PDB file of all heavy atoms in Angstrom:
ATOM      1  N   VAL A   1     105.286  87.550 108.555  1.00  0.00           N
ATOM      2  CA  VAL A   1     104.887  87.387 107.168  1.00  0.00           C
ATOM      3  C   VAL A   1     104.633  88.750 106.531  1.00  0.00           C
ATOM      4  O   VAL A   1     104.077  89.643 107.166  1.00  0.00           O
ATOM      5  CB  VAL A   1     103.610  86.512 107.090  1.00  0.00           C
ATOM      6  CG1 VAL A   1     103.081  86.422 105.682  1.00  0.00           C
ATOM      7  CG2 VAL A   1     103.893  85.127 107.664  1.00  0.00           C
ATOM      8  N   VAL A   2     105.049  88.881 105.278  1.00  0.00           N
ATOM      9  CA  VAL A   2     104.721  90.045 104.464  1.00  0.00           C
ATOM     10  C   VAL A   2     103.905  89.536 103.282  1.00  0.00           C
ATOM     11  O   VAL A   2     104.352  88.653 102.552  1.00  0.00           O
ATOM     12  CB  VAL A   2     105.988  90.772 103.955  1.00  0.00           C
ATOM     13  CG1 VAL A   2     105.613  91.890 102.998  1.00  0.00           C
ATOM     14  CG2 VAL A   2     106.799  91.301 105.120  1.00  0.00           C
ATOM     15  N   ALA A   3     102.701  90.058 103.133  1.00  0.00           N
ATOM     16  CA  ALA A   3     101.843  89.710 102.001  1.00  0.00           C
ATOM     17  C   ALA A   3     101.701  90.959 101.138  1.00  0.00           C
ATOM     18  O   ALA A   3     101.160  91.963 101.590  1.00  0.00           O
ATOM     19  CB  ALA A   3     100.481  89.232 102.492  1.00  0.00           C
ATOM     20  N   ARG A   4     102.183  90.893  99.934  1.00  0.00           N
ATOM     21  CA  ARG A   4     102.105  92.034  99.013  1.00  0.00           C
ATOM     22  C   ARG A   4     100.813  91.875  98.230  1.00  0.00           C
ATOM     23  O   ARG A   4     100.716  91.119  97.280  1.00  0.00           O
ATOM     24  CB  ARG A   4     103.325  92.033  98.102  1.00  0.00           C
ATOM     25  CG  ARG A   4     103.476  93.261  97.227  1.00  0.00           C
ATOM     26  CD  ARG A   4     104.244  94.334  97.971  1.00  0.00           C
ATOM     27  NE  ARG A   4     104.480  95.519  97.182  1.00  0.00           N
ATOM     28  CZ  ARG A   4     105.602  95.753  96.510  1.00  0.00           C
ATOM     29  NH1 ARG A   4     106.587  94.889  96.519  1.00  0.00           N
ATOM     30  NH2 ARG A   4     105.730  96.881  95.840  1.00  0.00           N
ATOM     31  N   MET A   5      99.789  92.586  98.632  1.00  0.00           N
ATOM     32  CA  MET A   5      98.474  92.457  98.031  1.00  0.00           C
ATOM     33  C   MET A   5      98.461  92.994  96.596  1.00  0.00           C
ATOM     34  O   MET A   5      97.915  92.376  95.703  1.00  0.00           O
ATOM     35  CB  MET A   5      97.421  93.196  98.863  1.00  0.00           C
ATOM     36  CG  MET A   5      97.457  92.837 100.346  1.00  0.00           C
ATOM     37  SD  MET A   5      97.400  91.072 100.656  1.00  0.00           S
ATOM     38  CE  MET A   5      95.719  90.739 100.206  1.00  0.00           C
ATOM     39  N   GLN A   6      99.019  94.169  96.422  1.00  0.00           N
ATOM     40  CA  GLN A   6      99.167  94.832  95.124  1.00  0.00           C
ATOM     41  C   GLN A   6     100.506  95.544  95.178  1.00  0.00           C
ATOM     42  O   GLN A   6     101.139  95.597  96.228  1.00  0.00           O
ATOM     43  CB  GLN A   6      98.068  95.874  94.903  1.00  0.00           C
ATOM     44  CG  GLN A   6      96.680  95.414  95.160  1.00  0.00           C
ATOM     45  CD  GLN A   6      95.710  96.596  95.228  1.00  0.00           C
ATOM     46  OE1 GLN A   6      96.032  97.723  94.878  1.00  0.00           O
ATOM     47  NE2 GLN A   6      94.520  96.322  95.691  1.00  0.00           N
ATOM     48  N   ALA A   7     100.901  96.125  94.078  1.00  0.00           N
ATOM     49  CA  ALA A   7     102.187  96.821  94.063  1.00  0.00           C
ATOM     50  C   ALA A   7     102.242  97.922  95.119  1.00  0.00           C
ATOM     51  O   ALA A   7     103.268  98.128  95.755  1.00  0.00           O
ATOM     52  CB  ALA A   7     102.462  97.400  92.682  1.00  0.00           C
ATOM     53  N   GLY A   8     101.122  98.603  95.369  1.00  0.00           N
ATOM     54  CA  GLY A   8     101.095  99.707  96.322  1.00  0.00           C
ATOM     55  C   GLY A   8     100.472  99.380  97.660  1.00  0.00           C
ATOM     56  O   GLY A   8     100.098 100.288  98.403  1.00  0.00           O
ATOM     57  N   HIS A   9     100.339  98.089  97.995  1.00  0.00           N
ATOM     58  CA  HIS A   9      99.692  97.709  99.255  1.00  0.00           C
ATOM     59  C   HIS A   9     100.262  96.386  99.770  1.00  0.00           C
ATOM     60  O   HIS A   9     100.331  95.415  99.035  1.00  0.00           O
ATOM     61  CB  HIS A   9      98.186  97.562  99.038  1.00  0.00           C
ATOM     62  CG  HIS A   9      97.422  97.358 100.293  1.00  0.00           C
ATOM     63  ND1 HIS A   9      96.162  96.838 100.301  1.00  0.00           N
ATOM     64  CD2 HIS A   9      97.729  97.589 101.584  1.00  0.00           C
ATOM     65  CE1 HIS A   9      95.701  96.771 101.541  1.00  0.00           C
ATOM     66  NE2 HIS A   9      96.650  97.218 102.330  1.00  0.00           N
ATOM     67  N   ALA A  10     100.676  96.386 101.028  1.00  0.00           N
ATOM     68  CA  ALA A  10     101.206  95.173 101.640  1.00  0.00           C
ATOM     69  C   ALA A  10     100.657  95.033 103.054  1.00  0.00           C
ATOM     70  O   ALA A  10     100.324  96.022 103.706  1.00  0.00           O
ATOM     71  CB  ALA A  10     102.738  95.218 101.689  1.00  0.00           C
ATOM     72  N   LEU A  11     100.559  93.793 103.504  1.00  0.00           N
ATOM     73  CA  LEU A  11     100.222  93.491 104.890  1.00  0.00           C
ATOM     74  C   LEU A  11     101.492  92.987 105.553  1.00  0.00           C
ATOM     75  O   LEU A  11     102.181  92.125 105.019  1.00  0.00           O
ATOM     76  CB  LEU A  11      99.128  92.422 104.973  1.00  0.00           C
ATOM     77  CG  LEU A  11      97.806  92.759 104.292  1.00  0.00           C
ATOM     78  CD1 LEU A  11      96.846  91.574 104.388  1.00  0.00           C
ATOM     79  CD2 LEU A  11      97.188  93.996 104.895  1.00  0.00           C
ATOM     80  N   VAL A  12     101.792  93.518 106.731  1.00  0.00           N
ATOM     81  CA  VAL A  12     102.971  93.114 107.501  1.00  0.00           C
ATOM     82  C   VAL A  12     102.445  92.480 108.780  1.00  0.00           C
ATOM     83  O   VAL A  12     101.693  93.109 109.520  1.00  0.00           O
ATOM     84  CB  VAL A  12     103.879  94.329 107.803  1.00  0.00           C
ATOM     85  CG1 VAL A  12     105.067  93.911 108.644  1.00  0.00           C
ATOM     86  CG2 VAL A  12     104.330  94.982 106.500  1.00  0.00           C
ATOM     87  N   MET A  13     102.822  91.213 109.038  1.00  0.00           N
ATOM     88  CA  MET A  13     102.231  90.466 110.136  1.00  0.00           C
ATOM     89  C   MET A  13     103.272  89.910 111.102  1.00  0.00           C
ATOM     90  O   MET A  13     103.702  88.764 110.976  1.00  0.00           O
ATOM     91  CB  MET A  13     101.355  89.347 109.568  1.00  0.00           C
ATOM     92  CG  MET A  13     100.171  89.895 108.763  1.00  0.00           C
ATOM     93  SD  MET A  13      99.324  88.660 107.786  1.00  0.00           S
ATOM     94  CE  MET A  13     100.181  88.826 106.220  1.00  0.00           C
ATOM     95  N   PRO A  14     103.682  90.715 112.079  1.00  0.00           N
ATOM     96  CA  PRO A  14     104.568  90.225 113.144  1.00  0.00           C
ATOM     97  C   PRO A  14     103.714  89.617 114.258  1.00  0.00           C
ATOM     98  O   PRO A  14     102.482  89.572 114.164  1.00  0.00           O
ATOM     99  CB  PRO A  14     105.255  91.507 113.616  1.00  0.00           C
ATOM    100  CG  PRO A  14     104.177  92.541 113.458  1.00  0.00           C
ATOM    101  CD  PRO A  14     103.426  92.144 112.205  1.00  0.00           C
ATOM    102  N   HIS A  15     104.373  89.206 115.327  1.00  0.00           N
ATOM    103  CA  HIS A  15     103.632  88.785 116.510  1.00  0.00           C
ATOM    104  C   HIS A  15     102.907  89.995 117.092  1.00  0.00           C
ATOM    105  O   HIS A  15     103.297  91.137 116.846  1.00  0.00           O
ATOM    106  CB  HIS A  15     104.580  88.144 117.527  1.00  0.00           C
ATOM    107  CG  HIS A  15     105.111  86.838 117.027  1.00  0.00           C
ATOM    108  ND1 HIS A  15     106.312  86.751 116.372  1.00  0.00           N
ATOM    109  CD2 HIS A  15     104.582  85.595 117.045  1.00  0.00           C
ATOM    110  CE1 HIS A  15     106.512  85.483 116.017  1.00  0.00           C
ATOM    111  NE2 HIS A  15     105.489  84.766 116.395  1.00  0.00           N
ATOM    112  N   GLY A  16     101.856  89.757 117.883  1.00  0.00           N
ATOM    113  CA  GLY A  16     100.970  90.837 118.287  1.00  0.00           C
ATOM    114  C   GLY A  16     101.184  91.427 119.656  1.00  0.00           C
ATOM    115  O   GLY A  16     100.270  92.056 120.186  1.00  0.00           O
ATOM    116  N   GLY A  17     102.351  91.262 120.256  1.00  0.00           N
ATOM    117  CA  GLY A  17     102.602  91.865 121.560  1.00  0.00           C
ATOM    118  C   GLY A  17     102.737  93.374 121.468  1.00  0.00           C
ATOM    119  O   GLY A  17     103.197  93.902 120.449  1.00  0.00           O
ATOM    120  N   PRO A  18     102.337  94.092 122.511  1.00  0.00           N
ATOM    121  CA  PRO A  18     102.397  95.555 122.455  1.00  0.00           C
ATOM    122  C   PRO A  18     103.806  96.104 122.228  1.00  0.00           C
ATOM    123  O   PRO A  18     103.989  97.086 121.513  1.00  0.00           O
ATOM    124  CB  PRO A  18     101.857  96.006 123.808  1.00  0.00           C
ATOM    125  CG  PRO A  18     101.353  94.812 124.511  1.00  0.00           C
ATOM    126  CD  PRO A  18     101.764  93.605 123.747  1.00  0.00           C
ATOM    127  N   ARG A  19     104.804  95.492 122.819  1.00  0.00           N
ATOM    128  CA  ARG A  19     106.178  95.986 122.652  1.00  0.00           C
ATOM    129  C   ARG A  19     106.646  95.791 121.214  1.00  0.00           C
ATOM    130  O   ARG A  19     107.303  96.665 120.645  1.00  0.00           O
ATOM    131  CB  ARG A  19     107.114  95.275 123.644  1.00  0.00           C
ATOM    132  CG  ARG A  19     108.538  95.735 123.555  1.00  0.00           C
ATOM    133  CD  ARG A  19     108.685  97.150 124.092  1.00  0.00           C
ATOM    134  NE  ARG A  19     110.083  97.531 124.049  1.00  0.00           N
ATOM    135  CZ  ARG A  19     110.523  98.678 123.539  1.00  0.00           C
ATOM    136  NH1 ARG A  19     109.679  99.563 123.095  1.00  0.00           N
ATOM    137  NH2 ARG A  19     111.791  98.945 123.517  1.00  0.00           N
ATOM    138  N   ILE A  20     106.299  94.654 120.619  1.00  0.00           N
ATOM    139  CA  ILE A  20     106.680  94.418 119.227  1.00  0.00           C
ATOM    140  C   ILE A  20     106.007  95.444 118.325  1.00  0.00           C
ATOM    141  O   ILE A  20     106.627  96.015 117.436  1.00  0.00           O
ATOM    142  CB  ILE A  20     106.337  92.977 118.797  1.00  0.00           C
ATOM    143  CG1 ILE A  20     107.296  92.002 119.493  1.00  0.00           C
ATOM    144  CG2 ILE A  20     106.391  92.816 117.277  1.00  0.00           C
ATOM    145  CD1 ILE A  20     106.985  90.547 119.287  1.00  0.00           C
ATOM    146  N   ARG A  21     104.725  95.723 118.576  1.00  0.00           N
ATOM    147  CA  ARG A  21     104.018  96.704 117.751  1.00  0.00           C
ATOM    148  C   ARG A  21     104.663  98.089 117.874  1.00  0.00           C
ATOM    149  O   ARG A  21     104.846  98.792 116.882  1.00  0.00           O
ATOM    150  CB  ARG A  21     102.546  96.754 118.137  1.00  0.00           C
ATOM    151  CG  ARG A  21     101.810  95.515 117.673  1.00  0.00           C
ATOM    152  CD  ARG A  21     100.415  95.456 118.208  1.00  0.00           C
ATOM    153  NE  ARG A  21      99.618  96.588 117.778  1.00  0.00           N
ATOM    154  CZ  ARG A  21      98.393  96.486 117.300  1.00  0.00           C
ATOM    155  NH1 ARG A  21      97.823  95.303 117.193  1.00  0.00           N
ATOM    156  NH2 ARG A  21      97.718  97.552 116.953  1.00  0.00           N
ATOM    157  N   THR A  22     105.031  98.468 119.092  1.00  0.00           N
ATOM    158  CA  THR A  22     105.675  99.763 119.296  1.00  0.00           C
ATOM    159  C   THR A  22     106.997  99.831 118.535  1.00  0.00           C
ATOM    160  O   THR A  22     107.307 100.821 117.877  1.00  0.00           O
ATOM    161  CB  THR A  22     105.915 100.012 120.799  1.00  0.00           C
ATOM    162  OG1 THR A  22     104.642 100.023 121.452  1.00  0.00           O
ATOM    163  CG2 THR A  22     106.642 101.305 121.055  1.00  0.00           C
ATOM    164  N   ARG A  23     107.767  98.761 118.606  1.00  0.00           N
ATOM    165  CA  ARG A  23     109.059  98.738 117.917  1.00  0.00           C
ATOM    166  C   ARG A  23     108.880  98.690 116.399  1.00  0.00           C
ATOM    167  O   ARG A  23     109.663  99.300 115.656  1.00  0.00           O
ATOM    168  CB  ARG A  23     109.901  97.568 118.421  1.00  0.00           C
ATOM    169  CG  ARG A  23     110.328  97.780 119.884  1.00  0.00           C
ATOM    170  CD  ARG A  23     111.177  96.672 120.422  1.00  0.00           C
ATOM    171  NE  ARG A  23     112.483  96.688 119.768  1.00  0.00           N
ATOM    172  CZ  ARG A  23     113.340  95.672 119.812  1.00  0.00           C
ATOM    173  NH1 ARG A  23     113.039  94.583 120.481  1.00  0.00           N
ATOM    174  NH2 ARG A  23     114.493  95.750 119.187  1.00  0.00           N
ATOM    175  N   MET A  24     107.840  98.008 115.923  1.00  0.00           N
ATOM    176  CA  MET A  24     107.560  97.989 114.485  1.00  0.00           C
ATOM    177  C   MET A  24     107.137  99.369 114.000  1.00  0.00           C
ATOM    178  O   MET A  24     107.518  99.793 112.910  1.00  0.00           O
ATOM    179  CB  MET A  24     106.477  96.948 114.157  1.00  0.00           C
ATOM    180  CG  MET A  24     106.929  95.505 114.306  1.00  0.00           C
ATOM    181  SD  MET A  24     108.217  95.005 113.145  1.00  0.00           S
ATOM    182  CE  MET A  24     107.338  95.102 111.593  1.00  0.00           C
ATOM    183  N   ASP A  25     106.356 100.083 114.825  1.00  0.00           N
ATOM    184  CA  ASP A  25     105.986 101.460 114.475  1.00  0.00           C
ATOM    185  C   ASP A  25     107.240 102.317 114.305  1.00  0.00           C
ATOM    186  O   ASP A  25     107.340 103.116 113.376  1.00  0.00           O
ATOM    187  CB  ASP A  25     105.082 102.076 115.550  1.00  0.00           C
ATOM    188  CG  ASP A  25     103.664 101.559 115.503  1.00  0.00           C
ATOM    189  OD1 ASP A  25     103.244 101.013 114.463  1.00  0.00           O
ATOM    190  OD2 ASP A  25     102.960 101.713 116.527  1.00  0.00           O
ATOM    191  N   ALA A  26     108.176 102.146 115.229  1.00  0.00           N
ATOM    192  CA  ALA A  26     109.422 102.916 115.156  1.00  0.00           C
ATOM    193  C   ALA A  26     110.220 102.553 113.905  1.00  0.00           C
ATOM    194  O   ALA A  26     110.772 103.435 113.232  1.00  0.00           O
ATOM    195  CB  ALA A  26     110.257 102.697 116.418  1.00  0.00           C
ATOM    196  N   LEU A  27     110.285 101.258 113.566  1.00  0.00           N
ATOM    197  CA  LEU A  27     110.987 100.842 112.350  1.00  0.00           C
ATOM    198  C   LEU A  27     110.331 101.441 111.111  1.00  0.00           C
ATOM    199  O   LEU A  27     111.011 101.924 110.207  1.00  0.00           O
ATOM    200  CB  LEU A  27     110.967  99.312 112.221  1.00  0.00           C
ATOM    201  CG  LEU A  27     112.017  98.502 112.954  1.00  0.00           C
ATOM    202  CD1 LEU A  27     111.784  97.008 112.720  1.00  0.00           C
ATOM    203  CD2 LEU A  27     113.409  98.892 112.516  1.00  0.00           C
ATOM    204  N   ALA A  28     109.011 101.389 111.058  1.00  0.00           N
ATOM    205  CA  ALA A  28     108.287 101.919 109.901  1.00  0.00           C
ATOM    206  C   ALA A  28     108.522 103.431 109.778  1.00  0.00           C
ATOM    207  O   ALA A  28     108.747 103.941 108.680  1.00  0.00           O
ATOM    208  CB  ALA A  28     106.802 101.603 110.000  1.00  0.00           C
ATOM    209  N   ALA A  29     108.468 104.135 110.907  1.00  0.00           N
ATOM    210  CA  ALA A  29     108.704 105.584 110.879  1.00  0.00           C
ATOM    211  C   ALA A  29     110.128 105.886 110.423  1.00  0.00           C
ATOM    212  O   ALA A  29     110.354 106.799 109.622  1.00  0.00           O
ATOM    213  CB  ALA A  29     108.434 106.195 112.246  1.00  0.00           C
ATOM    214  N   ALA A  30     111.095 105.131 110.922  1.00  0.00           N
ATOM    215  CA  ALA A  30     112.481 105.337 110.519  1.00  0.00           C
ATOM    216  C   ALA A  30     112.677 105.050 109.030  1.00  0.00           C
ATOM    217  O   ALA A  30     113.543 105.639 108.391  1.00  0.00           O
ATOM    218  CB  ALA A  30     113.408 104.447 111.348  1.00  0.00           C
ATOM    219  N   ALA A  31     111.827 104.170 108.482  1.00  0.00           N
ATOM    220  CA  ALA A  31     111.901 103.848 107.056  1.00  0.00           C
ATOM    221  C   ALA A  31     111.169 104.874 106.203  1.00  0.00           C
ATOM    222  O   ALA A  31     111.154 104.770 104.981  1.00  0.00           O
ATOM    223  CB  ALA A  31     111.321 102.457 106.816  1.00  0.00           C
ATOM    224  N   GLY A  32     110.545 105.862 106.856  1.00  0.00           N
ATOM    225  CA  GLY A  32     109.874 106.922 106.118  1.00  0.00           C
ATOM    226  C   GLY A  32     108.381 106.752 105.962  1.00  0.00           C
ATOM    227  O   GLY A  32     107.741 107.537 105.261  1.00  0.00           O
ATOM    228  N   ALA A  33     107.802 105.734 106.584  1.00  0.00           N
ATOM    229  CA  ALA A  33     106.351 105.545 106.490  1.00  0.00           C
ATOM    230  C   ALA A  33     105.631 106.598 107.322  1.00  0.00           C
ATOM    231  O   ALA A  33     106.043 106.913 108.437  1.00  0.00           O
ATOM    232  CB  ALA A  33     105.961 104.145 106.961  1.00  0.00           C
ATOM    233  N   LEU A  34     104.574 107.139 106.779  1.00  0.00           N
ATOM    234  CA  LEU A  34     103.753 108.108 107.489  1.00  0.00           C
ATOM    235  C   LEU A  34     102.720 107.365 108.322  1.00  0.00           C
ATOM    236  O   LEU A  34     102.214 106.326 107.900  1.00  0.00           O
ATOM    237  CB  LEU A  34     103.050 109.030 106.492  1.00  0.00           C
ATOM    238  CG  LEU A  34     103.976 109.779 105.535  1.00  0.00           C
ATOM    239  CD1 LEU A  34     103.166 110.466 104.453  1.00  0.00           C
ATOM    240  CD2 LEU A  34     104.827 110.762 106.292  1.00  0.00           C
TER     241      LEU A  34
END
């Protein structure tokens, strides 16, 4: 789930396994997120 709280703030809610979190971190970094 993606919840867009405000234009400049969103919550991203995948499953909570450690491997998924690591891969999501990599996706976010590749997308330019600091």
